[in-house]
PDB file of N, CA and C in Angstrom:
ATOM      1  N   MET A   1       0.834  -0.931  -0.171  1.00  0.00           N
ATOM      2  CA  MET A   1       0.188  -0.021  -0.104  1.00  0.00           C
ATOM      3  C   MET A   1       0.833   1.353   0.095  1.00  0.00           C
ATOM      4  N   LEU A   2       1.753   1.414   0.734  1.00  0.00           N
ATOM      5  CA  LEU A   2       2.864   2.223   1.073  1.00  0.00           C
ATOM      6  C   LEU A   2       3.688   2.600  -0.459  1.00  0.00           C
ATOM      7  N   LYS A   3       3.998   1.353  -0.982  1.00  0.00           N
ATOM      8  CA  LYS A   3       4.596   1.502  -2.425  1.00  0.00           C
ATOM      9  C   LYS A   3       3.736   2.234  -3.288  1.00  0.00           C
ATOM     10  N   ILE A   4       2.208   1.848  -3.566  1.00  0.00           N
ATOM     11  CA  ILE A   4       1.387   2.322  -4.562  1.00  0.00           C
ATOM     12  C   ILE A   4       1.185   3.770  -4.247  1.00  0.00           C
ATOM     13  N   LYS A   5       0.975   4.442  -2.947  1.00  0.00           N
ATOM     14  CA  LYS A   5       1.013   5.752  -2.893  1.00  0.00           C
ATOM     15  C   LYS A   5       2.300   6.540  -3.074  1.00  0.00           C
ATOM     16  N   LYS A   6       3.250   5.968  -2.946  1.00  0.00           N
ATOM     17  CA  LYS A   6       4.651   6.437  -3.333  1.00  0.00           C
ATOM     18  C   LYS A   6       4.729   6.624  -4.932  1.00  0.00           C
ATOM     19  N   LEU A   7       4.277   5.595  -5.440  1.00  0.00           N
ATOM     20  CA  LEU A   7       4.477   5.456  -6.900  1.00  0.00           C
ATOM     21  C   LEU A   7       3.426   6.455  -7.381  1.00  0.00           C
ATOM     22  N   ILE A   8       2.124   6.666  -7.114  1.00  0.00           N
ATOM     23  CA  ILE A   8       1.006   7.579  -7.412  1.00  0.00           C
ATOM     24  C   ILE A   8       1.573   8.962  -7.206  1.00  0.00           C
ATOM     25  N   GLY A   9       2.400   9.291  -6.039  1.00  0.00           N
ATOM     26  CA  GLY A   9       2.902  10.685  -5.857  1.00  0.00           C
ATOM     27  C   GLY A   9       4.066  10.957  -6.552  1.00  0.00           C
ATOM     28  N   VAL A  10       4.858   9.820  -6.977  1.00  0.00           N
ATOM     29  CA  VAL A  10       6.179  10.272  -8.107  1.00  0.00           C
ATOM     30  C   VAL A  10       5.377  10.584  -9.270  1.00  0.00           C
ATOM     31  N   SER A  11       4.328   9.672  -9.570  1.00  0.00           N
ATOM     32  CA  SER A  11       3.762   9.885 -11.020  1.00  0.00           C
ATOM     33  C   SER A  11       3.154  11.129 -11.128  1.00  0.00           C
ATOM     34  N   LEU A  12       2.512  11.583  -9.932  1.00  0.00           N
ATOM     35  CA  LEU A  12       1.700  13.025 -10.080  1.00  0.00           C
ATOM     36  C   LEU A  12       2.836  14.133 -10.391  1.00  0.00           C
ATOM     37  N   VAL A  13       4.055  14.006  -9.573  1.00  0.00           N
ATOM     38  CA  VAL A  13       4.843  14.941  -9.649  1.00  0.00           C
ATOM     39  C   VAL A  13       5.460  14.977 -11.184  1.00  0.00           C
ATOM     40  N   ALA A  14       5.700  13.898 -11.718  1.00  0.00           N
ATOM     41  CA  ALA A  14       6.233  13.882 -13.062  1.00  0.00           C
ATOM     42  C   ALA A  14       5.241  14.511 -14.036  1.00  0.00           C
ATOM     43  N   VAL A  15       4.158  14.093 -13.999  1.00  0.00           N
ATOM     44  CA  VAL A  15       3.188  14.618 -15.018  1.00  0.00           C
ATOM     45  C   VAL A  15       2.675  16.079 -14.770  1.00  0.00           C
ATOM     46  N   PHE A  16       2.992  16.444 -13.375  1.00  0.00           N
ATOM     47  CA  PHE A  16       2.761  17.883 -13.206  1.00  0.00           C
ATOM     48  C   PHE A  16       3.821  18.710 -13.774  1.00  0.00           C
ATOM     49  N   SER A  17       5.206  18.169 -13.594  1.00  0.00           N
ATOM     50  CA  SER A  17       6.371  18.626 -14.119  1.00  0.00           C
ATOM     51  C   SER A  17       6.441  18.554 -15.661  1.00  0.00           C
ATOM     52  N   LEU A  18       5.992  17.656 -16.336  1.00  0.00           N
ATOM     53  CA  LEU A  18       5.846  17.536 -17.848  1.00  0.00           C
ATOM     54  C   LEU A  18       4.958  18.606 -18.400  1.00  0.00           C
ATOM     55  N   SER A  19       3.681  18.845 -17.612  1.00  0.00           N
ATOM     56  CA  SER A  19       2.754  19.755 -17.966  1.00  0.00           C
ATOM     57  C   SER A  19       3.103  21.306 -17.939  1.00  0.00           C
ATOM     58  N   LEU A  20       3.852  21.261 -17.026  1.00  0.00           N
ATOM     59  CA  LEU A  20       4.521  22.606 -16.855  1.00  0.00           C
ATOM     60  C   LEU A  20       5.481  23.151 -18.039  1.00  0.00           C
ATOM     61  N   LEU A  21       6.221  22.059 -18.260  1.00  0.00           N
ATOM     62  CA  LEU A  21       7.128  22.278 -19.497  1.00  0.00           C
ATOM     63  C   LEU A  21       6.544  22.305 -20.760  1.00  0.00           C
ATOM     64  N   THR A  22       5.397  21.728 -20.990  1.00  0.00           N
ATOM     65  CA  THR A  22       4.774  21.727 -22.280  1.00  0.00           C
ATOM     66  C   THR A  22       3.783  23.056 -22.157  1.00  0.00           C
ATOM     67  N   ALA A  23       3.295  23.565 -21.062  1.00  0.00           N
ATOM     68  CA  ALA A  23       2.293  24.618 -21.223  1.00  0.00           C
ATOM     69  C   ALA A  23       3.166  26.022 -21.141  1.00  0.00           C
ATOM     70  N   SER A  24       4.376  26.078 -20.690  1.00  0.00           N
ATOM     71  CA  SER A  24       5.277  27.387 -20.682  1.00  0.00           C
ATOM     72  C   SER A  24       5.538  27.691 -21.990  1.00  0.00           C
ATOM     73  N   GLY A  25       5.145  27.020 -22.977  1.00  0.00           N
ATOM     74  CA  GLY A  25       5.388  27.754 -24.474  1.00  0.00           C
ATOM     75  C   GLY A  25       6.734  27.328 -25.011  1.00  0.00           C
ATOM     76  N   CYS A  26       7.596  26.511 -24.363  1.00  0.00           N
ATOM     77  CA  CYS A  26       8.990  26.291 -24.899  1.00  0.00           C
ATOM     78  C   CYS A  26       8.920  26.169 -26.348  1.00  0.00           C
ATOM     79  N   SER A  27       9.517  26.845 -27.252  1.00  0.00           N
ATOM     80  CA  SER A  27       9.744  26.670 -28.521  1.00  0.00           C
ATOM     81  C   SER A  27      10.868  27.014 -28.975  1.00  0.00           C
ATOM     82  N   ARG A  28      11.193  26.835 -30.220  1.00  0.00           N
ATOM     83  CA  ARG A  28      12.470  26.921 -30.803  1.00  0.00           C
ATOM     84  C   ARG A  28      12.662  28.293 -31.371  1.00  0.00           C
ATOM     85  N   HIS A  29      11.509  29.030 -31.645  1.00  0.00           N
ATOM     86  CA  HIS A  29      11.525  30.322 -32.558  1.00  0.00           C
ATOM     87  C   HIS A  29      10.890  31.350 -31.642  1.00  0.00           C
ATOM     88  N   PRO A  30      11.207  32.482 -31.539  1.00  0.00           N
ATOM     89  CA  PRO A  30      10.462  33.586 -30.869  1.00  0.00           C
ATOM     90  C   PRO A  30       9.191  33.952 -31.463  1.00  0.00           C
ATOM     91  N   ASN A  31       8.299  34.425 -30.584  1.00  0.00           N
ATOM     92  CA  ASN A  31       6.740  34.823 -31.063  1.00  0.00           C
ATOM     93  C   ASN A  31       6.950  36.059 -31.226  1.00  0.00           C
ATOM     94  N   GLU A  32       5.898  36.571 -31.700  1.00  0.00           N
ATOM     95  CA  GLU A  32       5.950  37.882 -32.476  1.00  0.00           C
ATOM     96  C   GLU A  32       6.278  38.965 -31.486  1.00  0.00           C
ATOM     97  N   ASP A  33       5.769  38.837 -30.140  1.00  0.00           N
ATOM     98  CA  ASP A  33       6.060  39.824 -29.063  1.00  0.00           C
ATOM     99  C   ASP A  33       7.239  39.789 -28.667  1.00  0.00           C
ATOM    100  N   GLN A  34       7.987  38.803 -28.831  1.00  0.00           N
ATOM    101  CA  GLN A  34       9.427  38.644 -28.407  1.00  0.00           C
ATOM    102  C   GLN A  34      10.251  39.146 -29.295  1.00  0.00           C
ATOM    103  N   ILE A  35      10.007  39.169 -30.771  1.00  0.00           N
ATOM    104  CA  ILE A  35      10.566  39.819 -31.835  1.00  0.00           C
ATOM    105  C   ILE A  35      10.375  40.994 -31.733  1.00  0.00           C
ATOM    106  N   ARG A  36       9.258  41.855 -31.322  1.00  0.00           N
ATOM    107  CA  ARG A  36       8.906  43.139 -31.163  1.00  0.00           C
ATOM    108  C   ARG A  36       9.681  43.751 -30.199  1.00  0.00           C
ATOM    109  N   MET A  37       9.691  43.201 -28.870  1.00  0.00           N
ATOM    110  CA  MET A  37      10.580  43.517 -27.841  1.00  0.00           C
ATOM    111  C   MET A  37      11.906  43.667 -27.982  1.00  0.00           C
ATOM    112  N   MET A  38      12.297  42.847 -28.768  1.00  0.00           N
ATOM    113  CA  MET A  38      13.918  42.608 -29.288  1.00  0.00           C
ATOM    114  C   MET A  38      14.276  43.868 -29.984  1.00  0.00           C
ATOM    115  N   GLU A  39      13.614  44.059 -31.092  1.00  0.00           N
ATOM    116  CA  GLU A  39      13.578  45.146 -31.846  1.00  0.00           C
ATOM    117  C   GLU A  39      13.480  46.472 -31.307  1.00  0.00           C
ATOM    118  N   GLU A  40      12.652  46.546 -30.455  1.00  0.00           N
ATOM    119  CA  GLU A  40      12.570  47.759 -29.728  1.00  0.00           C
ATOM    120  C   GLU A  40      13.839  47.972 -28.771  1.00  0.00           C
ATOM    121  N   ALA A  41      14.242  46.965 -28.130  1.00  0.00           N
ATOM    122  CA  ALA A  41      15.432  47.036 -27.322  1.00  0.00           C
ATOM    123  C   ALA A  41      16.525  47.424 -28.105  1.00  0.00           C
ATOM    124  N   ARG A  42      16.788  46.610 -29.482  1.00  0.00           N
ATOM    125  CA  ARG A  42      17.937  47.184 -30.331  1.00  0.00           C
ATOM    126  C   ARG A  42      17.961  48.499 -30.780  1.00  0.00           C
ATOM    127  N   SER A  43      16.611  49.072 -31.053  1.00  0.00           N
ATOM    128  CA  SER A  43      16.477  50.671 -31.577  1.00  0.00           C
ATOM    129  C   SER A  43      16.883  51.382 -30.358  1.00  0.00           C
ATOM    130  N   ALA A  44      16.567  51.078 -29.073  1.00  0.00           N
ATOM    131  CA  ALA A  44      16.684  51.859 -28.123  1.00  0.00           C
ATOM    132  C   ALA A  44      18.390  51.897 -27.623  1.00  0.00           C
ATOM    133  N   CYS A  45      18.781  50.649 -28.060  1.00  0.00           N
ATOM    134  CA  CYS A  45      20.353  50.691 -27.832  1.00  0.00           C
ATOM    135  C   CYS A  45      20.997  51.537 -28.757  1.00  0.00           C
ATOM    136  N   LEU A  46      20.623  51.403 -30.178  1.00  0.00           N
ATOM    137  CA  LEU A  46      21.429  52.209 -31.393  1.00  0.00           C
ATOM    138  C   LEU A  46      21.273  53.811 -30.983  1.00  0.00           C
ATOM    139  N   ALA A  47      20.033  54.218 -30.386  1.00  0.00           N
ATOM    140  CA  ALA A  47      19.719  55.523 -30.200  1.00  0.00           C
ATOM    141  C   ALA A  47      20.553  55.912 -29.150  1.00  0.00           C
ATOM    142  N   SER A  48      20.773  55.201 -28.064  1.00  0.00           N
ATOM    143  CA  SER A  48      21.618  55.492 -26.766  1.00  0.00           C
ATOM    144  C   SER A  48      23.005  55.705 -27.482  1.00  0.00           C
ATOM    145  N   GLU A  49      23.544  54.779 -28.381  1.00  0.00           N
ATOM    146  CA  GLU A  49      24.826  54.603 -28.640  1.00  0.00           C
ATOM    147  C   GLU A  49      25.166  55.921 -29.786  1.00  0.00           C
ATOM    148  N   GLN A  50      23.919  56.340 -30.402  1.00  0.00           N
ATOM    149  CA  GLN A  50      24.311  57.648 -31.186  1.00  0.00           C
ATOM    150  C   GLN A  50      24.126  59.041 -30.215  1.00  0.00           C
ATOM    151  N   LYS A  51      23.277  59.086 -29.306  1.00  0.00           N
ATOM    152  CA  LYS A  51      23.180  60.180 -28.387  1.00  0.00           C
ATOM    153  C   LYS A  51      24.528  60.188 -27.452  1.00  0.00           C
ATOM    154  N   LEU A  52      25.188  59.094 -27.117  1.00  0.00           N
ATOM    155  CA  LEU A  52      26.568  58.920 -26.573  1.00  0.00           C
ATOM    156  C   LEU A  52      27.633  59.657 -27.560  1.00  0.00           C
ATOM    157  N   ASN A  53      27.587  59.267 -28.810  1.00  0.00           N
ATOM    158  CA  ASN A  53      28.500  59.993 -29.674  1.00  0.00           C
ATOM    159  C   ASN A  53      28.606  61.271 -29.981  1.00  0.00           C
ATOM    160  N   GLU A  54      27.137  61.920 -29.910  1.00  0.00           N
ATOM    161  CA  GLU A  54      27.046  63.130 -30.171  1.00  0.00           C
ATOM    162  C   GLU A  54      27.166  63.900 -28.769  1.00  0.00           C
ATOM    163  N   VAL A  55      27.119  63.313 -27.578  1.00  0.00           N
ATOM    164  CA  VAL A  55      27.387  63.827 -26.457  1.00  0.00           C
ATOM    165  C   VAL A  55      29.214  64.022 -26.364  1.00  0.00           C
ATOM    166  N   GLN A  56      29.584  62.791 -26.733  1.00  0.00           N
ATOM    167  CA  GLN A  56      30.998  62.827 -26.821  1.00  0.00           C
ATOM    168  C   GLN A  56      31.786  64.021 -27.501  1.00  0.00           C
ATOM    169  N   ASN A  57      31.029  63.812 -29.094  1.00  0.00           N
ATOM    170  CA  ASN A  57      31.560  64.876 -29.919  1.00  0.00           C
ATOM    171  C   ASN A  57      31.355  66.509 -29.302  1.00  0.00           C
ATOM    172  N   GLN A  58      30.354  66.757 -28.398  1.00  0.00           N
ATOM    173  CA  GLN A  58      29.946  68.070 -28.361  1.00  0.00           C
ATOM    174  C   GLN A  58      31.072  68.409 -26.855  1.00  0.00           C
ATOM    175  N   ARG A  59      31.287  67.402 -26.171  1.00  0.00           N
ATOM    176  CA  ARG A  59      32.343  67.677 -25.066  1.00  0.00           C
ATOM    177  C   ARG A  59      33.772  67.968 -25.616  1.00  0.00           C
ATOM    178  N   ALA A  60      34.093  67.163 -26.794  1.00  0.00           N
ATOM    179  CA  ALA A  60      35.720  67.318 -27.117  1.00  0.00           C
ATOM    180  C   ALA A  60      35.392  68.805 -27.982  1.00  0.00           C
ATOM    181  N   ASP A  61      34.361  69.282 -28.576  1.00  0.00           N
ATOM    182  CA  ASP A  61      34.193  70.666 -29.040  1.00  0.00           C
ATOM    183  C   ASP A  61      34.241  71.695 -28.008  1.00  0.00           C
ATOM    184  N   LEU A  62      33.651  71.470 -26.943  1.00  0.00           N
ATOM    185  CA  LEU A  62      33.700  72.197 -25.750  1.00  0.00           C
ATOM    186  C   LEU A  62      34.872  72.539 -25.056  1.00  0.00           C
ATOM    187  N   GLU A  63      35.613  71.226 -25.055  1.00  0.00           N
ATOM    188  CA  GLU A  63      37.213  71.058 -24.430  1.00  0.00           C
ATOM    189  C   GLU A  63      38.001  72.046 -25.168  1.00  0.00           C
ATOM    190  N   SER A  64      37.811  71.765 -26.639  1.00  0.00           N
ATOM    191  CA  SER A  64      38.823  72.436 -27.455  1.00  0.00           C
ATOM    192  C   SER A  64      38.576  74.168 -27.278  1.00  0.00           C
ATOM    193  N   LYS A  65      37.226  74.536 -27.200  1.00  0.00           N
ATOM    194  CA  LYS A  65      36.968  75.879 -26.820  1.00  0.00           C
ATOM    195  C   LYS A  65      37.538  76.290 -25.861  1.00  0.00           C
ATOM    196  N   LEU A  66      37.474  75.602 -24.621  1.00  0.00           N
ATOM    197  CA  LEU A  66      38.058  76.001 -23.378  1.00  0.00           C
ATOM    198  C   LEU A  66      39.437  76.106 -23.586  1.00  0.00           C
ATOM    199  N   GLN A  67      40.211  75.344 -24.312  1.00  0.00           N
ATOM    200  CA  GLN A  67      41.309  75.305 -24.247  1.00  0.00           C
ATOM    201  C   GLN A  67      42.043  77.021 -25.091  1.00  0.00           C
ATOM    202  N   ALA A  68      41.205  77.027 -26.093  1.00  0.00           N
ATOM    203  CA  ALA A  68      41.296  78.203 -26.836  1.00  0.00           C
ATOM    204  C   ALA A  68      40.999  79.289 -25.882  1.00  0.00           C
ATOM    205  N   LYS A  69      40.248  79.396 -25.211  1.00  0.00           N
ATOM    206  CA  LYS A  69      39.860  80.398 -24.203  1.00  0.00           C
ATOM    207  C   LYS A  69      40.843  80.573 -23.351  1.00  0.00           C
ATOM    208  N   LYS A  70      41.409  79.474 -22.726  1.00  0.00           N
ATOM    209  CA  LYS A  70      42.502  79.388 -21.881  1.00  0.00           C
ATOM    210  C   LYS A  70      43.860  80.210 -22.366  1.00  0.00           C
ATOM    211  N   ALA A  71      44.083  79.723 -23.708  1.00  0.00           N
ATOM    212  CA  ALA A  71      45.137  80.342 -24.391  1.00  0.00           C
ATOM    213  C   ALA A  71      45.050  81.822 -24.537  1.00  0.00           C
ATOM    214  N   GLU A  72      43.725  82.128 -24.947  1.00  0.00           N
ATOM    215  CA  GLU A  72      43.525  83.775 -25.088  1.00  0.00           C
ATOM    216  C   GLU A  72      43.659  84.760 -23.678  1.00  0.00           C
ATOM    217  N   LEU A  73      43.266  84.083 -22.736  1.00  0.00           N
ATOM    218  CA  LEU A  73      43.265  84.734 -21.462  1.00  0.00           C
ATOM    219  C   LEU A  73      44.715  84.702 -21.020  1.00  0.00           C
ATOM    220  N   GLU A  74      45.684  83.593 -21.126  1.00  0.00           N
ATOM    221  CA  GLU A  74      47.126  83.594 -20.938  1.00  0.00           C
ATOM    222  C   GLU A  74      47.801  84.739 -21.914  1.00  0.00           C
ATOM    223  N   LYS A  75      47.481  85.001 -23.178  1.00  0.00           N
ATOM    224  CA  LYS A  75      48.032  85.961 -23.750  1.00  0.00           C
ATOM    225  C   LYS A  75      47.530  87.302 -23.423  1.00  0.00           C
ATOM    226  N   ALA A  76      46.274  87.420 -22.893  1.00  0.00           N
ATOM    227  CA  ALA A  76      46.056  88.657 -22.480  1.00  0.00           C
ATOM    228  C   ALA A  76      46.622  89.133 -20.941  1.00  0.00           C
ATOM    229  N   MET A  77      46.714  88.189 -20.423  1.00  0.00           N
ATOM    230  CA  MET A  77      47.404  88.346 -18.893  1.00  0.00           C
ATOM    231  C   MET A  77      48.889  88.820 -19.044  1.00  0.00           C
ATOM    232  N   LYS A  78      49.423  88.102 -20.255  1.00  0.00           N
ATOM    233  CA  LYS A  78      51.066  88.376 -20.326  1.00  0.00           C
ATOM    234  C   LYS A  78      50.893  90.059 -21.063  1.00  0.00           C
ATOM    235  N   GLU A  79      50.004  90.221 -21.877  1.00  0.00           N
ATOM    236  CA  GLU A  79      49.900  91.438 -22.456  1.00  0.00           C
ATOM    237  C   GLU A  79      49.667  92.681 -21.153  1.00  0.00           C
ATOM    238  N   LYS A  80      48.753  92.224 -20.370  1.00  0.00           N
ATOM    239  CA  LYS A  80      48.537  93.148 -19.239  1.00  0.00           C
ATOM    240  C   LYS A  80      49.813  93.401 -18.348  1.00  0.00           C
ATOM    241  N   ALA A  81      50.526  92.343 -18.172  1.00  0.00           N
ATOM    242  CA  ALA A  81      51.790  92.428 -17.352  1.00  0.00           C
ATOM    243  C   ALA A  81      52.675  93.438 -17.922  1.00  0.00           C
ATOM    244  N   ASN A  82      52.833  93.147 -19.550  1.00  0.00           N
ATOM    245  CA  ASN A  82      53.689  94.186 -20.135  1.00  0.00           C
ATOM    246  C   ASN A  82      53.495  95.510 -20.029  1.00  0.00           C
ATOM    247  N   VAL A  83      52.011  95.622 -20.429  1.00  0.00           N
ATOM    248  CA  VAL A  83      51.524  97.135 -20.285  1.00  0.00           C
ATOM    249  C   VAL A  83      51.848  97.831 -18.856  1.00  0.00           C
ATOM    250  N   GLU A  84      51.682  97.059 -17.791  1.00  0.00           N
ATOM    251  CA  GLU A  84      51.843  97.359 -16.307  1.00  0.00           C
ATOM    252  C   GLU A  84      53.266  97.696 -16.248  1.00  0.00           C
ATOM    253  N   GLN A  85      54.285  96.709 -16.715  1.00  0.00           N
ATOM    254  CA  GLN A  85      55.579  96.977 -16.669  1.00  0.00           C
ATOM    255  C   GLN A  85      55.887  98.259 -17.334  1.00  0.00           C
ATOM    256  N   GLY A  86      55.416  98.520 -18.537  1.00  0.00           N
ATOM    257  CA  GLY A  86      55.738  99.876 -19.530  1.00  0.00           C
ATOM    258  C   GLY A  86      55.255 100.891 -18.522  1.00  0.00           C
ATOM    259  N   LEU A  87      54.074 100.915 -18.017  1.00  0.00           N
ATOM    260  CA  LEU A  87      53.694 102.114 -17.284  1.00  0.00           C
ATOM    261  C   LEU A  87      54.535 102.281 -15.962  1.00  0.00           C
ATOM    262  N   ALA A  88      55.124 101.192 -15.342  1.00  0.00           N
ATOM    263  CA  ALA A  88      55.862 101.465 -14.338  1.00  0.00           C
ATOM    264  C   ALA A  88      57.182 102.206 -14.614  1.00  0.00           C
ATOM    265  N   ASN A  89      57.747 101.599 -15.624  1.00  0.00           N
ATOM    266  CA  ASN A  89      58.755 102.175 -16.316  1.00  0.00           C
ATOM    267  C   ASN A  89      58.618 103.600 -16.758  1.00  0.00           C
ATOM    268  N   TRP A  90      57.836 103.865 -17.388  1.00  0.00           N
ATOM    269  CA  TRP A  90      57.161 105.129 -17.779  1.00  0.00           C
ATOM    270  C   TRP A  90      57.220 106.314 -16.589  1.00  0.00           C
ATOM    271  N   ASN A  91      56.467 105.942 -15.609  1.00  0.00           N
ATOM    272  CA  ASN A  91      56.391 106.500 -14.286  1.00  0.00           C
ATOM    273  C   ASN A  91      57.495 106.936 -13.636  1.00  0.00           C
ATOM    274  N   SER A  92      58.588 105.979 -13.582  1.00  0.00           N
ATOM    275  CA  SER A  92      59.936 105.987 -12.967  1.00  0.00           C
ATOM    276  C   SER A  92      60.612 107.127 -13.762  1.00  0.00           C
ATOM    277  N   GLU A  93      60.387 107.249 -14.938  1.00  0.00           N
ATOM    278  CA  GLU A  93      61.374 107.968 -15.636  1.00  0.00           C
ATOM    279  C   GLU A  93      61.006 109.441 -15.682  1.00  0.00           C
ATOM    280  N   ASN A  94      59.516 109.574 -15.444  1.00  0.00           N
ATOM    281  CA  ASN A  94      58.827 111.157 -15.200  1.00  0.00           C
ATOM    282  C   ASN A  94      58.969 111.561 -13.918  1.00  0.00           C
TER     283      ASN A  94
END
């Protein structure tokens, strides 16, 4: 009697497990929703990569502009120092 109950229990577990596997829709090919979701993810990924490239290009442009402004500032500071030195020399001569 105990063996029969055990056999029935194991059989029920096996049947239930098999039914879960077949009912879950395991197939070799993706369905339409899965394909659509994959395409949406791919297009979102491509859009993100394009946006990243745009932002990186914008950053490089801003960094080059910053370097140009720093060089311009340094040139202006040197010119200011030269003018101040010239004024100091001119005032000491007079």
